[in-house]
Amino acid sequence: APLGLPSGPGDTAPRAALIPPVPTEPPVMSGMSTPAAGVSGPMYGEVTTSLRSPVNLRAAPGGPVLGTVPRGTTLQIFDMAPGGWLLVGDTGPLGWVHVSGVER
C-alpha cells in the first residue's frame, strides 16, 4: 500500500504517513528532471530513511519539497540522478530524496 494508506478493506493498521511541509512561498520548479514516466517497478533495490530525522521528499532533484518521509521508513529506489538523488516510493515512484538522508 502507498505510504500512509491502508492496503485494503478492513486494514486498520497504522502506517507511516507523509507529513506536508509548512508552506513558505509557492514552489518554483527548478527545471530539473521530474519523476520518470512509465516506471513500473523498483530497479535499484531499497533504502531506509535516516533514524536521526525525517527526510524531505521532493518533486525533482533539488526541487520543491512535497512532504517529509518519517524516520526509519523503507523505500524502493526507482531511478537515480546525478548529485546523489534517488527517485523513491512504496509501490511506485513518489518523489526524490538525497542519499545523505537514507541508508542502504
Protein backbone atom coordinates (compact mmCIF):
# COMPACT_ATOMS: atom_id res chain seq x y z
CA ALA A 1 0.00 0.00 0.00
CA PRO A 2 1.23 3.54 -0.64
CA LEU A 3 2.72 5.24 2.40
CA GLY A 4 0.08 6.14 4.95
CA LEU A 5 -2.77 4.37 3.18
CA PRO A 6 -4.50 1.10 4.21
CA SER A 7 -3.73 -1.83 1.92
CA GLY A 8 -7.35 -2.95 1.56
CA PRO A 9 -10.78 -3.24 3.17
CA GLY A 10 -10.55 -3.86 6.88
CA ASP A 11 -6.89 -2.85 7.09
CA THR A 12 -6.74 -0.52 10.05
CA ALA A 13 -3.05 -0.93 10.89
CA PRO A 14 -1.34 2.44 11.36
CA ARG A 15 1.07 3.37 8.59
CA ALA A 16 3.81 5.95 8.28
CA ALA A 17 2.33 8.99 6.56
CA LEU A 18 3.90 11.76 4.54
CA ILE A 19 3.88 14.95 6.56
CA PRO A 20 3.25 18.02 4.40
CA PRO A 21 5.77 20.84 4.74
CA VAL A 22 4.86 24.22 6.18
CA PRO A 23 4.22 26.46 3.16
CA THR A 24 6.58 29.42 2.90
CA GLU A 25 6.11 30.52 -0.68
CA PRO A 26 4.76 28.99 -3.89
CA PRO A 27 7.07 26.23 -5.19
CA VAL A 28 9.09 27.04 -8.28
CA MET A 29 10.18 24.15 -10.47
CA SER A 30 13.94 24.04 -10.79
CA GLY A 31 13.97 22.90 -14.40
CA MET A 32 15.48 19.59 -13.35
CA SER A 33 14.00 16.26 -14.32
CA THR A 34 10.71 15.11 -12.87
CA PRO A 35 9.93 11.51 -11.89
CA ALA A 36 10.29 9.16 -14.84
CA ALA A 37 7.05 8.42 -16.65
CA GLY A 38 6.13 4.78 -17.11
CA VAL A 39 8.46 3.45 -14.40
CA SER A 40 6.91 0.12 -13.48
CA GLY A 41 8.96 -1.27 -10.63
CA PRO A 42 11.98 -0.79 -8.40
CA MET A 43 15.21 -1.07 -10.34
CA TYR A 44 17.88 -0.29 -7.75
CA GLY A 45 16.83 -2.04 -4.54
CA GLU A 46 15.73 -0.25 -1.41
CA VAL A 47 16.87 2.25 1.22
CA THR A 48 15.72 3.20 4.71
CA THR A 49 15.37 6.82 5.75
CA SER A 50 17.66 8.08 8.49
CA LEU A 51 16.77 7.38 12.10
CA ARG A 52 18.11 10.86 13.01
CA SER A 53 15.45 12.97 11.30
CA PRO A 54 12.64 12.87 8.71
CA VAL A 55 13.76 13.21 5.07
CA ASN A 56 12.42 15.75 2.55
CA LEU A 57 10.58 14.21 -0.41
CA ARG A 58 10.99 16.46 -3.46
CA ALA A 59 9.21 16.88 -6.80
CA ALA A 60 12.57 16.85 -8.64
CA PRO A 61 16.23 16.58 -7.61
CA GLY A 62 16.81 19.74 -5.58
CA GLY A 63 13.26 20.87 -6.39
CA PRO A 64 10.27 21.85 -4.25
CA VAL A 65 9.53 19.79 -1.14
CA LEU A 66 6.37 17.68 -1.45
CA GLY A 67 6.47 16.47 2.15
CA THR A 68 8.66 14.53 4.54
CA VAL A 69 9.19 10.81 4.96
CA PRO A 70 9.25 9.67 8.62
CA ARG A 71 12.43 8.27 10.20
CA GLY A 72 13.16 4.60 9.54
CA THR A 73 10.83 4.25 6.53
CA THR A 74 11.90 1.64 3.94
CA LEU A 75 11.53 2.85 0.34
CA GLN A 76 12.09 1.27 -3.05
CA ILE A 77 14.53 3.02 -5.44
CA PHE A 78 13.07 3.55 -8.93
CA ASP A 79 15.71 5.79 -10.51
CA MET A 80 18.89 7.75 -9.76
CA ALA A 81 20.03 11.24 -10.81
CA PRO A 82 23.42 12.97 -10.72
CA GLY A 83 24.35 14.61 -7.44
CA GLY A 84 23.14 11.79 -5.18
CA TRP A 85 19.37 11.93 -5.83
CA LEU A 86 17.12 8.85 -5.68
CA LEU A 87 13.59 8.52 -7.06
CA VAL A 88 11.81 6.55 -4.32
CA GLY A 89 8.41 5.27 -3.32
CA ASP A 90 6.50 2.35 -1.88
CA THR A 91 4.79 0.55 -4.76
CA GLY A 92 5.52 3.29 -7.30
CA PRO A 93 7.63 6.44 -7.56
CA LEU A 94 6.58 9.19 -5.11
CA GLY A 95 9.43 11.69 -5.27
CA TRP A 96 13.14 12.35 -4.89
CA VAL A 97 15.33 12.11 -1.77
CA HIS A 98 19.03 12.82 -1.35
CA VAL A 99 21.38 9.96 -0.40
CA SER A 100 22.51 11.92 2.68
CA GLY A 101 19.12 11.20 4.28
CA VAL A 102 19.00 7.45 3.67
CA GLU A 103 20.89 4.26 4.48
CA ARG A 104 21.22 1.09 2.41
